[in-house]
Amino acid sequence: MSVHDELAQARHALDDLARVMDRLQGNLGNGLDVRRARADTARLRDDLDLLRQIAADDEPLQGPAQPDVVFIARTPYDPSMWVGCEDEGVGSRHGPDVQQGHPSHRLLHRTPRTR
């Protein structure tokens, strides 16, 4: 169990103790022993808060994770890797039915409309 889990469990138990002390005060009145037990409960709460601060201070600060460095080879990639792929927005130019020529030659020419 981690320190934070232990502290949370202790805080839960202390909250239970405070509820029991409220019921006891209702049954026994506001005598010296009840007031002392309530003061002890409040002191325990303060001490537990201090322990939580110490645990938070001991935690190492974690900044944003550094991305892994990926080295890109300067040599050309194997052309078989591109078989069946398409260039974005241009169309396939790596398959067996490669069209030759400049892309502007393949554009459709529009004829002007006559009125």
PDB file of N, CA and C in Angstrom:
ATOM      1  N   MET A   1       0.850  -1.164   0.000  1.00  0.00           N
ATOM      2  CA  MET A   1       0.000   0.000   0.000  1.00  0.00           C
ATOM      3  C   MET A   1       0.903   1.237   0.000  1.00  0.00           C
ATOM      4  N   SER A   2       0.584   2.231  -0.803  1.00  0.00           N
ATOM      5  CA  SER A   2       1.424   3.420  -0.906  1.00  0.00           C
ATOM      6  C   SER A   2       1.188   4.340   0.297  1.00  0.00           C
ATOM      7  N   VAL A   3       2.063   5.296   0.443  1.00  0.00           N
ATOM      8  CA  VAL A   3       1.956   6.255   1.542  1.00  0.00           C
ATOM      9  C   VAL A   3       0.651   7.041   1.418  1.00  0.00           C
ATOM     10  N   HIS A   4       0.302   7.405   0.182  1.00  0.00           N
ATOM     11  CA  HIS A   4      -0.934   8.174  -0.007  1.00  0.00           C
ATOM     12  C   HIS A   4      -2.162   7.335   0.364  1.00  0.00           C
ATOM     13  N   ASP A   5      -2.120   6.044   0.062  1.00  0.00           N
ATOM     14  CA  ASP A   5      -3.229   5.165   0.451  1.00  0.00           C
ATOM     15  C   ASP A   5      -3.317   5.043   1.965  1.00  0.00           C
ATOM     16  N   GLU A   6      -2.160   4.918   2.610  1.00  0.00           N
ATOM     17  CA  GLU A   6      -2.137   4.814   4.077  1.00  0.00           C
ATOM     18  C   GLU A   6      -2.676   6.093   4.718  1.00  0.00           C
ATOM     19  N   LEU A   7      -2.273   7.235   4.181  1.00  0.00           N
ATOM     20  CA  LEU A   7      -2.749   8.502   4.727  1.00  0.00           C
ATOM     21  C   LEU A   7      -4.248   8.681   4.502  1.00  0.00           C
ATOM     22  N   ALA A   8      -4.734   8.249   3.370  1.00  0.00           N
ATOM     23  CA  ALA A   8      -6.177   8.339   3.105  1.00  0.00           C
ATOM     24  C   ALA A   8      -6.953   7.434   4.057  1.00  0.00           C
ATOM     25  N   GLN A   9      -6.407   6.243   4.330  1.00  0.00           N
ATOM     26  CA  GLN A   9      -7.065   5.330   5.259  1.00  0.00           C
ATOM     27  C   GLN A   9      -7.059   5.910   6.680  1.00  0.00           C
ATOM     28  N   ALA A  10      -5.943   6.533   7.074  1.00  0.00           N
ATOM     29  CA  ALA A  10      -5.875   7.149   8.402  1.00  0.00           C
ATOM     30  C   ALA A  10      -6.859   8.314   8.499  1.00  0.00           C
ATOM     31  N   ARG A  11      -6.990   9.091   7.427  1.00  0.00           N
ATOM     32  CA  ARG A  11      -7.941  10.215   7.424  1.00  0.00           C
ATOM     33  C   ARG A  11      -9.377   9.705   7.562  1.00  0.00           C
ATOM     34  N   HIS A  12      -9.676   8.593   6.878  1.00  0.00           N
ATOM     35  CA  HIS A  12     -11.010   8.005   6.983  1.00  0.00           C
ATOM     36  C   HIS A  12     -11.288   7.545   8.421  1.00  0.00           C
ATOM     37  N   ALA A  13     -10.299   6.900   9.040  1.00  0.00           N
ATOM     38  CA  ALA A  13     -10.468   6.444  10.427  1.00  0.00           C
ATOM     39  C   ALA A  13     -10.628   7.630  11.369  1.00  0.00           C
ATOM     40  N   LEU A  14      -9.898   8.710  11.113  1.00  0.00           N
ATOM     41  CA  LEU A  14     -10.008   9.900  11.949  1.00  0.00           C
ATOM     42  C   LEU A  14     -11.380  10.560  11.794  1.00  0.00           C
ATOM     43  N   ASP A  15     -11.909  10.547  10.584  1.00  0.00           N
ATOM     44  CA  ASP A  15     -13.265  11.076  10.378  1.00  0.00           C
ATOM     45  C   ASP A  15     -14.293  10.244  11.141  1.00  0.00           C
ATOM     46  N   ASP A  16     -14.092   8.906  11.150  1.00  0.00           N
ATOM     47  CA  ASP A  16     -14.979   8.039  11.937  1.00  0.00           C
ATOM     48  C   ASP A  16     -14.878   8.371  13.428  1.00  0.00           C
ATOM     49  N   LEU A  17     -13.658   8.597  13.911  1.00  0.00           N
ATOM     50  CA  LEU A  17     -13.462   8.953  15.318  1.00  0.00           C
ATOM     51  C   LEU A  17     -14.161  10.272  15.651  1.00  0.00           C
ATOM     52  N   ALA A  18     -14.090  11.247  14.774  1.00  0.00           N
ATOM     53  CA  ALA A  18     -14.745  12.535  15.011  1.00  0.00           C
ATOM     54  C   ALA A  18     -16.258  12.363  15.087  1.00  0.00           C
ATOM     55  N   ARG A  19     -16.845  11.482  14.254  1.00  0.00           N
ATOM     56  CA  ARG A  19     -18.287  11.237  14.312  1.00  0.00           C
ATOM     57  C   ARG A  19     -18.678  10.563  15.623  1.00  0.00           C
ATOM     58  N   VAL A  20     -17.851   9.632  16.068  1.00  0.00           N
ATOM     59  CA  VAL A  20     -18.125   8.964  17.343  1.00  0.00           C
ATOM     60  C   VAL A  20     -18.028   9.967  18.497  1.00  0.00           C
ATOM     61  N   MET A  21     -17.041  10.854  18.436  1.00  0.00           N
ATOM     62  CA  MET A  21     -16.897  11.860  19.490  1.00  0.00           C
ATOM     63  C   MET A  21     -18.112  12.790  19.528  1.00  0.00           C
ATOM     64  N   ASP A  22     -18.694  13.100  18.369  1.00  0.00           N
ATOM     65  CA  ASP A  22     -19.918  13.927  18.344  1.00  0.00           C
ATOM     66  C   ASP A  22     -21.062  13.208  19.063  1.00  0.00           C
ATOM     67  N   ARG A  23     -21.199  11.895  18.820  1.00  0.00           N
ATOM     68  CA  ARG A  23     -22.272  11.137  19.476  1.00  0.00           C
ATOM     69  C   ARG A  23     -22.020  11.033  20.975  1.00  0.00           C
ATOM     70  N   LEU A  24     -20.748  10.811  21.362  1.00  0.00           N
ATOM     71  CA  LEU A  24     -20.419  10.723  22.785  1.00  0.00           C
ATOM     72  C   LEU A  24     -20.684  12.047  23.502  1.00  0.00           C
ATOM     73  N   GLN A  25     -20.356  13.138  22.835  1.00  0.00           N
ATOM     74  CA  GLN A  25     -20.615  14.435  23.450  1.00  0.00           C
ATOM     75  C   GLN A  25     -22.111  14.648  23.648  1.00  0.00           C
ATOM     76  N   GLY A  26     -22.916  14.148  22.712  1.00  0.00           N
ATOM     77  CA  GLY A  26     -24.366  14.248  22.867  1.00  0.00           C
ATOM     78  C   GLY A  26     -24.865  13.411  24.036  1.00  0.00           C
ATOM     79  N   ASN A  27     -24.236  12.252  24.268  1.00  0.00           N
ATOM     80  CA  ASN A  27     -24.669  11.369  25.358  1.00  0.00           C
ATOM     81  C   ASN A  27     -24.057  11.739  26.707  1.00  0.00           C
ATOM     82  N   LEU A  28     -22.782  12.160  26.727  1.00  0.00           N
ATOM     83  CA  LEU A  28     -22.075  12.396  27.979  1.00  0.00           C
ATOM     84  C   LEU A  28     -22.012  13.866  28.378  1.00  0.00           C
ATOM     85  N   GLY A  29     -22.364  14.743  27.486  1.00  0.00           N
ATOM     86  CA  GLY A  29     -22.284  16.175  27.797  1.00  0.00           C
ATOM     87  C   GLY A  29     -20.930  16.733  27.417  1.00  0.00           C
ATOM     88  N   ASN A  30     -20.671  17.957  27.877  1.00  0.00           N
ATOM     89  CA  ASN A  30     -19.457  18.670  27.491  1.00  0.00           C
ATOM     90  C   ASN A  30     -18.466  18.701  28.655  1.00  0.00           C
ATOM     91  N   GLY A  31     -18.229  17.534  29.253  1.00  0.00           N
ATOM     92  CA  GLY A  31     -17.307  17.448  30.387  1.00  0.00           C
ATOM     93  C   GLY A  31     -15.861  17.589  29.942  1.00  0.00           C
ATOM     94  N   LEU A  32     -14.976  17.653  30.938  1.00  0.00           N
ATOM     95  CA  LEU A  32     -13.551  17.852  30.695  1.00  0.00           C
ATOM     96  C   LEU A  32     -12.959  16.730  29.845  1.00  0.00           C
ATOM     97  N   ASP A  33     -13.321  15.491  30.148  1.00  0.00           N
ATOM     98  CA  ASP A  33     -12.760  14.362  29.399  1.00  0.00           C
ATOM     99  C   ASP A  33     -13.208  14.375  27.940  1.00  0.00           C
ATOM    100  N   VAL A  34     -14.448  14.738  27.682  1.00  0.00           N
ATOM    101  CA  VAL A  34     -14.951  14.799  26.315  1.00  0.00           C
ATOM    102  C   VAL A  34     -14.251  15.918  25.548  1.00  0.00           C
ATOM    103  N   ARG A  35     -14.095  17.077  26.219  1.00  0.00           N
ATOM    104  CA  ARG A  35     -13.402  18.189  25.540  1.00  0.00           C
ATOM    105  C   ARG A  35     -11.962  17.828  25.226  1.00  0.00           C
ATOM    106  N   ARG A  36     -11.290  17.130  26.155  1.00  0.00           N
ATOM    107  CA  ARG A  36      -9.904  16.719  25.920  1.00  0.00           C
ATOM    108  C   ARG A  36      -9.814  15.729  24.765  1.00  0.00           C
ATOM    109  N   ALA A  37     -10.750  14.782  24.680  1.00  0.00           N
ATOM    110  CA  ALA A  37     -10.754  13.814  23.586  1.00  0.00           C
ATOM    111  C   ALA A  37     -11.022  14.505  22.241  1.00  0.00           C
ATOM    112  N   ARG A  38     -11.908  15.494  22.243  1.00  0.00           N
ATOM    113  CA  ARG A  38     -12.165  16.245  21.008  1.00  0.00           C
ATOM    114  C   ARG A  38     -10.939  17.058  20.601  1.00  0.00           C
ATOM    115  N   ALA A  39     -10.220  17.629  21.591  1.00  0.00           N
ATOM    116  CA  ALA A  39      -8.994  18.380  21.290  1.00  0.00           C
ATOM    117  C   ALA A  39      -7.921  17.452  20.727  1.00  0.00           C
ATOM    118  N   ASP A  40      -7.839  16.236  21.309  1.00  0.00           N
ATOM    119  CA  ASP A  40      -6.882  15.254  20.785  1.00  0.00           C
ATOM    120  C   ASP A  40      -7.210  14.865  19.341  1.00  0.00           C
ATOM    121  N   THR A  41      -8.501  14.736  19.055  1.00  0.00           N
ATOM    122  CA  THR A  41      -8.931  14.401  17.692  1.00  0.00           C
ATOM    123  C   THR A  41      -8.551  15.519  16.728  1.00  0.00           C
ATOM    124  N   ALA A  42      -8.751  16.766  17.153  1.00  0.00           N
ATOM    125  CA  ALA A  42      -8.382  17.902  16.303  1.00  0.00           C
ATOM    126  C   ALA A  42      -6.871  17.958  16.091  1.00  0.00           C
ATOM    127  N   ARG A  43      -6.095  17.659  17.142  1.00  0.00           N
ATOM    128  CA  ARG A  43      -4.635  17.646  17.030  1.00  0.00           C
ATOM    129  C   ARG A  43      -4.177  16.546  16.073  1.00  0.00           C
ATOM    130  N   LEU A  44      -4.824  15.377  16.178  1.00  0.00           N
ATOM    131  CA  LEU A  44      -4.491  14.288  15.254  1.00  0.00           C
ATOM    132  C   LEU A  44      -4.782  14.692  13.802  1.00  0.00           C
ATOM    133  N   ARG A  45      -5.881  15.402  13.605  1.00  0.00           N
ATOM    134  CA  ARG A  45      -6.218  15.870  12.250  1.00  0.00           C
ATOM    135  C   ARG A  45      -5.134  16.811  11.727  1.00  0.00           C
ATOM    136  N   ASP A  46      -4.675  17.745  12.580  1.00  0.00           N
ATOM    137  CA  ASP A  46      -3.609  18.668  12.169  1.00  0.00           C
ATOM    138  C   ASP A  46      -2.318  17.913  11.859  1.00  0.00           C
ATOM    139  N   ASP A  47      -1.969  16.932  12.717  1.00  0.00           N
ATOM    140  CA  ASP A  47      -0.756  16.151  12.490  1.00  0.00           C
ATOM    141  C   ASP A  47      -0.843  15.348  11.193  1.00  0.00           C
ATOM    142  N   LEU A  48      -2.006  14.812  10.919  1.00  0.00           N
ATOM    143  CA  LEU A  48      -2.194  14.047   9.688  1.00  0.00           C
ATOM    144  C   LEU A  48      -2.067  14.945   8.457  1.00  0.00           C
ATOM    145  N   ASP A  49      -2.576  16.177   8.558  1.00  0.00           N
ATOM    146  CA  ASP A  49      -2.416  17.131   7.456  1.00  0.00           C
ATOM    147  C   ASP A  49      -0.945  17.455   7.224  1.00  0.00           C
ATOM    148  N   LEU A  50      -0.178  17.587   8.307  1.00  0.00           N
ATOM    149  CA  LEU A  50       1.263  17.830   8.171  1.00  0.00           C
ATOM    150  C   LEU A  50       1.958  16.648   7.495  1.00  0.00           C
ATOM    151  N   LEU A  51       1.563  15.439   7.880  1.00  0.00           N
ATOM    152  CA  LEU A  51       2.154  14.253   7.242  1.00  0.00           C
ATOM    153  C   LEU A  51       1.831  14.203   5.745  1.00  0.00           C
ATOM    154  N   ARG A  52       0.624  14.603   5.396  1.00  0.00           N
ATOM    155  CA  ARG A  52       0.253  14.622   3.976  1.00  0.00           C
ATOM    156  C   ARG A  52       1.086  15.639   3.207  1.00  0.00           C
ATOM    157  N   GLN A  53       1.374  16.791   3.830  1.00  0.00           N
ATOM    158  CA  GLN A  53       2.221  17.781   3.180  1.00  0.00           C
ATOM    159  C   GLN A  53       3.649  17.272   3.013  1.00  0.00           C
ATOM    160  N   ILE A  54       4.162  16.591   4.032  1.00  0.00           N
ATOM    161  CA  ILE A  54       5.516  16.031   3.944  1.00  0.00           C
ATOM    162  C   ILE A  54       5.580  14.991   2.833  1.00  0.00           C
ATOM    163  N   ALA A  55       4.564  14.151   2.749  1.00  0.00           N
ATOM    164  CA  ALA A  55       4.545  13.119   1.700  1.00  0.00           C
ATOM    165  C   ALA A  55       4.477  13.756   0.321  1.00  0.00           C
ATOM    166  N   ALA A  56       3.740  14.856   0.197  1.00  0.00           N
ATOM    167  CA  ALA A  56       3.652  15.539  -1.099  1.00  0.00           C
ATOM    168  C   ALA A  56       4.978  16.207  -1.452  1.00  0.00           C
ATOM    169  N   ASP A  57       5.685  16.736  -0.439  1.00  0.00           N
ATOM    170  CA  ASP A  57       6.977  17.382  -0.687  1.00  0.00           C
ATOM    171  C   ASP A  57       8.052  16.364  -1.049  1.00  0.00           C
ATOM    172  N   ASP A  58       7.962  15.156  -0.494  1.00  0.00           N
ATOM    173  CA  ASP A  58       8.952  14.115  -0.782  1.00  0.00           C
ATOM    174  C   ASP A  58       8.780  13.508  -2.166  1.00  0.00           C
ATOM    175  N   GLU A  59       7.608  13.707  -2.744  1.00  0.00           N
ATOM    176  CA  GLU A  59       7.343  13.152  -4.063  1.00  0.00           C
ATOM    177  C   GLU A  59       8.175  13.893  -5.089  1.00  0.00           C
ATOM    178  N   PRO A  60       8.894  13.175  -5.958  1.00  0.00           N
ATOM    179  CA  PRO A  60       9.684  13.870  -6.975  1.00  0.00           C
ATOM    180  C   PRO A  60       8.769  14.577  -7.966  1.00  0.00           C
ATOM    181  N   LEU A  61       9.191  15.759  -8.361  1.00  0.00           N
ATOM    182  CA  LEU A  61       8.413  16.507  -9.341  1.00  0.00           C
ATOM    183  C   LEU A  61       8.578  15.853 -10.703  1.00  0.00           C
ATOM    184  N   GLN A  62       7.473  15.602 -11.337  1.00  0.00           N
ATOM    185  CA  GLN A  62       7.515  14.972 -12.647  1.00  0.00           C
ATOM    186  C   GLN A  62       7.072  15.983 -13.679  1.00  0.00           C
ATOM    187  N   GLY A  63       7.994  16.368 -14.530  1.00  0.00           N
ATOM    188  CA  GLY A  63       7.672  17.276 -15.610  1.00  0.00           C
ATOM    189  C   GLY A  63       7.077  16.498 -16.767  1.00  0.00           C
ATOM    190  N   PRO A  64       6.842  17.179 -17.860  1.00  0.00           N
ATOM    191  CA  PRO A  64       6.308  16.472 -19.021  1.00  0.00           C
ATOM    192  C   PRO A  64       7.320  15.442 -19.517  1.00  0.00           C
ATOM    193  N   ALA A  65       6.817  14.318 -19.920  1.00  0.00           N
ATOM    194  CA  ALA A  65       7.680  13.236 -20.380  1.00  0.00           C
ATOM    195  C   ALA A  65       8.395  13.658 -21.658  1.00  0.00           C
ATOM    196  N   GLN A  66       9.674  13.344 -21.721  1.00  0.00           N
ATOM    197  CA  GLN A  66      10.450  13.652 -22.917  1.00  0.00           C
ATOM    198  C   GLN A  66      10.151  12.606 -23.979  1.00  0.00           C
ATOM    199  N   PRO A  67       9.885  13.034 -25.204  1.00  0.00           N
ATOM    200  CA  PRO A  67       9.601  12.053 -26.256  1.00  0.00           C
ATOM    201  C   PRO A  67      10.858  11.275 -26.611  1.00  0.00           C
ATOM    202  N   ASP A  68      10.667  10.052 -27.033  1.00  0.00           N
ATOM    203  CA  ASP A  68      11.781   9.237 -27.474  1.00  0.00           C
ATOM    204  C   ASP A  68      12.318   9.803 -28.779  1.00  0.00           C
ATOM    205  N   VAL A  69      13.635   9.794 -28.912  1.00  0.00           N
ATOM    206  CA  VAL A  69      14.262  10.284 -30.130  1.00  0.00           C
ATOM    207  C   VAL A  69      14.213   9.169 -31.169  1.00  0.00           C
ATOM    208  N   VAL A  70      13.706   9.511 -32.337  1.00  0.00           N
ATOM    209  CA  VAL A  70      13.628   8.555 -33.432  1.00  0.00           C
ATOM    210  C   VAL A  70      14.572   9.039 -34.523  1.00  0.00           C
ATOM    211  N   PHE A  71      15.546   8.213 -34.858  1.00  0.00           N
ATOM    212  CA  PHE A  71      16.492   8.569 -35.893  1.00  0.00           C
ATOM    213  C   PHE A  71      15.961   8.098 -37.243  1.00  0.00           C
ATOM    214  N   ILE A  72      15.967   8.989 -38.234  1.00  0.00           N
ATOM    215  CA  ILE A  72      15.502   8.693 -39.582  1.00  0.00           C
ATOM    216  C   ILE A  72      16.733   8.440 -40.441  1.00  0.00           C
ATOM    217  N   ALA A  73      16.751   7.311 -41.109  1.00  0.00           N
ATOM    218  CA  ALA A  73      17.887   6.977 -41.968  1.00  0.00           C
ATOM    219  C   ALA A  73      17.930   7.907 -43.178  1.00  0.00           C
ATOM    220  N   ARG A  74      19.135   8.247 -43.621  1.00  0.00           N
ATOM    221  CA  ARG A  74      19.285   9.110 -44.789  1.00  0.00           C
ATOM    222  C   ARG A  74      19.256   8.320 -46.089  1.00  0.00           C
ATOM    223  N   THR A  75      19.293   7.034 -45.990  1.00  0.00           N
ATOM    224  CA  THR A  75      19.262   6.202 -47.196  1.00  0.00           C
ATOM    225  C   THR A  75      17.830   6.084 -47.687  1.00  0.00           C
ATOM    226  N   PRO A  76      17.643   5.892 -49.001  1.00  0.00           N
ATOM    227  CA  PRO A  76      16.280   5.762 -49.532  1.00  0.00           C
ATOM    228  C   PRO A  76      15.604   4.505 -48.986  1.00  0.00           C
ATOM    229  N   TYR A  77      14.279   4.604 -48.846  1.00  0.00           N
ATOM    230  CA  TYR A  77      13.508   3.458 -48.382  1.00  0.00           C
ATOM    231  C   TYR A  77      13.360   2.449 -49.510  1.00  0.00           C
ATOM    232  N   ASP A  78      13.094   1.223 -49.155  1.00  0.00           N
ATOM    233  CA  ASP A  78      12.850   0.152 -50.116  1.00  0.00           C
ATOM    234  C   ASP A  78      11.564   0.468 -50.887  1.00  0.00           C
ATOM    235  N   PRO A  79      11.607   0.535 -52.223  1.00  0.00           N
ATOM    236  CA  PRO A  79      10.419   0.874 -53.003  1.00  0.00           C
ATOM    237  C   PRO A  79       9.274  -0.118 -52.813  1.00  0.00           C
ATOM    238  N   SER A  80       9.565  -1.356 -52.447  1.00  0.00           N
ATOM    239  CA  SER A  80       8.488  -2.330 -52.261  1.00  0.00           C
ATOM    240  C   SER A  80       7.597  -1.948 -51.076  1.00  0.00           C
ATOM    241  N   MET A  81       8.095  -1.087 -50.209  1.00  0.00           N
ATOM    242  CA  MET A  81       7.310  -0.656 -49.069  1.00  0.00           C
ATOM    243  C   MET A  81       6.136   0.207 -49.522  1.00  0.00           C
ATOM    244  N   TRP A  82       6.242   0.849 -50.672  1.00  0.00           N
ATOM    245  CA  TRP A  82       5.221   1.776 -51.137  1.00  0.00           C
ATOM    246  C   TRP A  82       4.226   1.148 -52.103  1.00  0.00           C
ATOM    247  N   VAL A  83       4.364  -0.128 -52.408  1.00  0.00           N
ATOM    248  CA  VAL A  83       3.456  -0.768 -53.357  1.00  0.00           C
ATOM    249  C   VAL A  83       2.035  -0.737 -52.787  1.00  0.00           C
ATOM    250  N   GLY A  84       1.095  -0.257 -53.587  1.00  0.00           N
ATOM    251  CA  GLY A  84      -0.298  -0.204 -53.169  1.00  0.00           C
ATOM    252  C   GLY A  84      -0.665   1.038 -52.386  1.00  0.00           C
ATOM    253  N   CYS A  85       0.297   1.921 -52.113  1.00  0.00           N
ATOM    254  CA  CYS A  85       0.013   3.145 -51.370  1.00  0.00           C
ATOM    255  C   CYS A  85      -0.314   4.273 -52.335  1.00  0.00           C
ATOM    256  N   GLU A  86      -0.968   5.268 -51.834  1.00  0.00           N
ATOM    257  CA  GLU A  86      -1.277   6.440 -52.632  1.00  0.00           C
ATOM    258  C   GLU A  86      -0.655   7.656 -51.989  1.00  0.00           C
ATOM    259  N   ASP A  87      -0.197   8.580 -52.836  1.00  0.00           N
ATOM    260  CA  ASP A  87       0.247   9.870 -52.325  1.00  0.00           C
ATOM    261  C   ASP A  87      -1.003  10.649 -51.959  1.00  0.00           C
ATOM    262  N   GLU A  88      -0.942  11.389 -50.894  1.00  0.00           N
ATOM    263  CA  GLU A  88      -2.127  12.114 -50.447  1.00  0.00           C
ATOM    264  C   GLU A  88      -2.569  13.124 -51.491  1.00  0.00           C
ATOM    265  N   GLY A  89      -3.772  12.969 -51.969  1.00  0.00           N
ATOM    266  CA  GLY A  89      -4.359  13.929 -52.876  1.00  0.00           C
ATOM    267  C   GLY A  89      -3.889  13.833 -54.304  1.00  0.00           C
ATOM    268  N   VAL A  90      -2.918  12.991 -54.615  1.00  0.00           N
ATOM    269  CA  VAL A  90      -2.385  12.929 -55.971  1.00  0.00           C
ATOM    270  C   VAL A  90      -2.812  11.651 -56.676  1.00  0.00           C
ATOM    271  N   GLY A  91      -2.916  10.561 -55.946  1.00  0.00           N
ATOM    272  CA  GLY A  91      -3.258   9.288 -56.550  1.00  0.00           C
ATOM    273  C   GLY A  91      -2.041   8.389 -56.595  1.00  0.00           C
ATOM    274  N   SER A  92      -2.253   7.162 -56.969  1.00  0.00           N
ATOM    275  CA  SER A  92      -1.185   6.174 -56.961  1.00  0.00           C
ATOM    276  C   SER A  92      -0.210   6.436 -58.096  1.00  0.00           C
ATOM    277  N   ARG A  93       1.078   6.446 -57.769  1.00  0.00           N
ATOM    278  CA  ARG A  93       2.110   6.562 -58.792  1.00  0.00           C
ATOM    279  C   ARG A  93       3.176   5.506 -58.588  1.00  0.00           C
ATOM    280  N   HIS A  94       2.879   4.482 -57.762  1.00  0.00           N
ATOM    281  CA  HIS A  94       3.874   3.472 -57.456  1.00  0.00           C
ATOM    282  C   HIS A  94       3.456   2.079 -57.940  1.00  0.00           C
ATOM    283  N   GLY A  95       2.256   1.950 -58.402  1.00  0.00           N
ATOM    284  CA  GLY A  95       1.757   0.635 -58.800  1.00  0.00           C
ATOM    285  C   GLY A  95       2.180   0.264 -60.208  1.00  0.00           C
ATOM    286  N   PRO A  96       1.747  -0.909 -60.688  1.00  0.00           N
ATOM    287  CA  PRO A  96       2.150  -1.376 -62.015  1.00  0.00           C
ATOM    288  C   PRO A  96       1.555  -0.543 -63.149  1.00  0.00           C
ATOM    289  N   ASP A  97       0.442   0.132 -62.912  1.00  0.00           N
ATOM    290  CA  ASP A  97      -0.184   0.920 -63.976  1.00  0.00           C
ATOM    291  C   ASP A  97       0.142   2.400 -63.804  1.00  0.00           C
ATOM    292  N   VAL A  98       1.448   2.691 -63.659  1.00  0.00           N
ATOM    293  CA  VAL A  98       1.906   4.053 -63.437  1.00  0.00           C
ATOM    294  C   VAL A  98       1.701   4.871 -64.704  1.00  0.00           C
ATOM    295  N   GLN A  99       1.098   6.032 -64.541  1.00  0.00           N
ATOM    296  CA  GLN A  99       0.923   6.920 -65.688  1.00  0.00           C
ATOM    297  C   GLN A  99       2.149   7.808 -65.792  1.00  0.00           C
ATOM    298  N   GLN A 100       2.655   7.938 -66.984  1.00  0.00           N
ATOM    299  CA  GLN A 100       3.830   8.760 -67.216  1.00  0.00           C
ATOM    300  C   GLN A 100       3.384  10.159 -67.589  1.00  0.00           C
ATOM    301  N   GLY A 101       4.246  11.080 -67.382  1.00  0.00           N
ATOM    302  CA  GLY A 101       3.964  12.437 -67.806  1.00  0.00           C
ATOM    303  C   GLY A 101       3.752  13.357 -66.627  1.00  0.00           C
ATOM    304  N   HIS A 102       3.699  14.605 -66.939  1.00  0.00           N
ATOM    305  CA  HIS A 102       3.514  15.649 -65.935  1.00  0.00           C
ATOM    306  C   HIS A 102       2.046  15.685 -65.524  1.00  0.00           C
ATOM    307  N   PRO A 103       1.739  15.883 -64.236  1.00  0.00           N
ATOM    308  CA  PRO A 103       0.343  15.862 -63.796  1.00  0.00           C
ATOM    309  C   PRO A 103      -0.530  16.896 -64.495  1.00  0.00           C
ATOM    310  N   SER A 104       0.032  18.014 -64.905  1.00  0.00           N
ATOM    311  CA  SER A 104      -0.805  19.035 -65.535  1.00  0.00           C
ATOM    312  C   SER A 104      -1.303  18.576 -66.897  1.00  0.00           C
ATOM    313  N   HIS A 105      -0.634  17.614 -67.539  1.00  0.00           N
ATOM    314  CA  HIS A 105      -1.082  17.099 -68.834  1.00  0.00           C
ATOM    315  C   HIS A 105      -2.318  16.229 -68.685  1.00  0.00           C
ATOM    316  N   ARG A 106      -2.568  15.752 -67.494  1.00  0.00           N
ATOM    317  CA  ARG A 106      -3.706  14.869 -67.289  1.00  0.00           C
ATOM    318  C   ARG A 106      -4.964  15.628 -66.903  1.00  0.00           C
ATOM    319  N   LEU A 107      -4.870  16.923 -66.725  1.00  0.00           N
ATOM    320  CA  LEU A 107      -6.040  17.693 -66.339  1.00  0.00           C
ATOM    321  C   LEU A 107      -7.033  17.751 -67.490  1.00  0.00           C
ATOM    322  N   LEU A 108      -8.276  17.742 -67.155  1.00  0.00           N
ATOM    323  CA  LEU A 108      -9.309  17.874 -68.179  1.00  0.00           C
ATOM    324  C   LEU A 108      -9.383  19.328 -68.608  1.00  0.00           C
ATOM    325  N   HIS A 109      -9.445  19.522 -69.888  1.00  0.00           N
ATOM    326  CA  HIS A 109      -9.560  20.881 -70.410  1.00  0.00           C
ATOM    327  C   HIS A 109     -11.034  21.180 -70.600  1.00  0.00           C
ATOM    328  N   ARG A 110     -11.472  22.288 -70.088  1.00  0.00           N
ATOM    329  CA  ARG A 110     -12.870  22.683 -70.209  1.00  0.00           C
ATOM    330  C   ARG A 110     -13.029  23.542 -71.466  1.00  0.00           C
ATOM    331  N   THR A 111     -14.121  23.312 -72.076  1.00  0.00           N
ATOM    332  CA  THR A 111     -14.438  24.176 -73.212  1.00  0.00           C
ATOM    333  C   THR A 111     -15.337  25.291 -72.721  1.00  0.00           C
ATOM    334  N   PRO A 112     -15.139  26.473 -73.218  1.00  0.00           N
ATOM    335  CA  PRO A 112     -15.979  27.592 -72.761  1.00  0.00           C
ATOM    336  C   PRO A 112     -17.426  27.383 -73.175  1.00  0.00           C
ATOM    337  N   ARG A 113     -18.323  27.776 -72.326  1.00  0.00           N
ATOM    338  CA  ARG A 113     -19.743  27.662 -72.620  1.00  0.00           C
ATOM    339  C   ARG A 113     -20.161  28.769 -73.558  1.00  0.00           C
ATOM    340  N   THR A 114     -21.042  28.423 -74.419  1.00  0.00           N
ATOM    341  CA  THR A 114     -21.596  29.441 -75.306  1.00  0.00           C
ATOM    342  C   THR A 114     -23.006  29.754 -74.874  1.00  0.00           C
ATOM    343  N   ARG A 115     -23.421  30.983 -75.040  1.00  0.00           N
ATOM    344  CA  ARG A 115     -24.768  31.384 -74.632  1.00  0.00           C
ATOM    345  C   ARG A 115     -25.692  31.354 -75.774  1.00  0.00           C
TER     346      ARG A 115
END
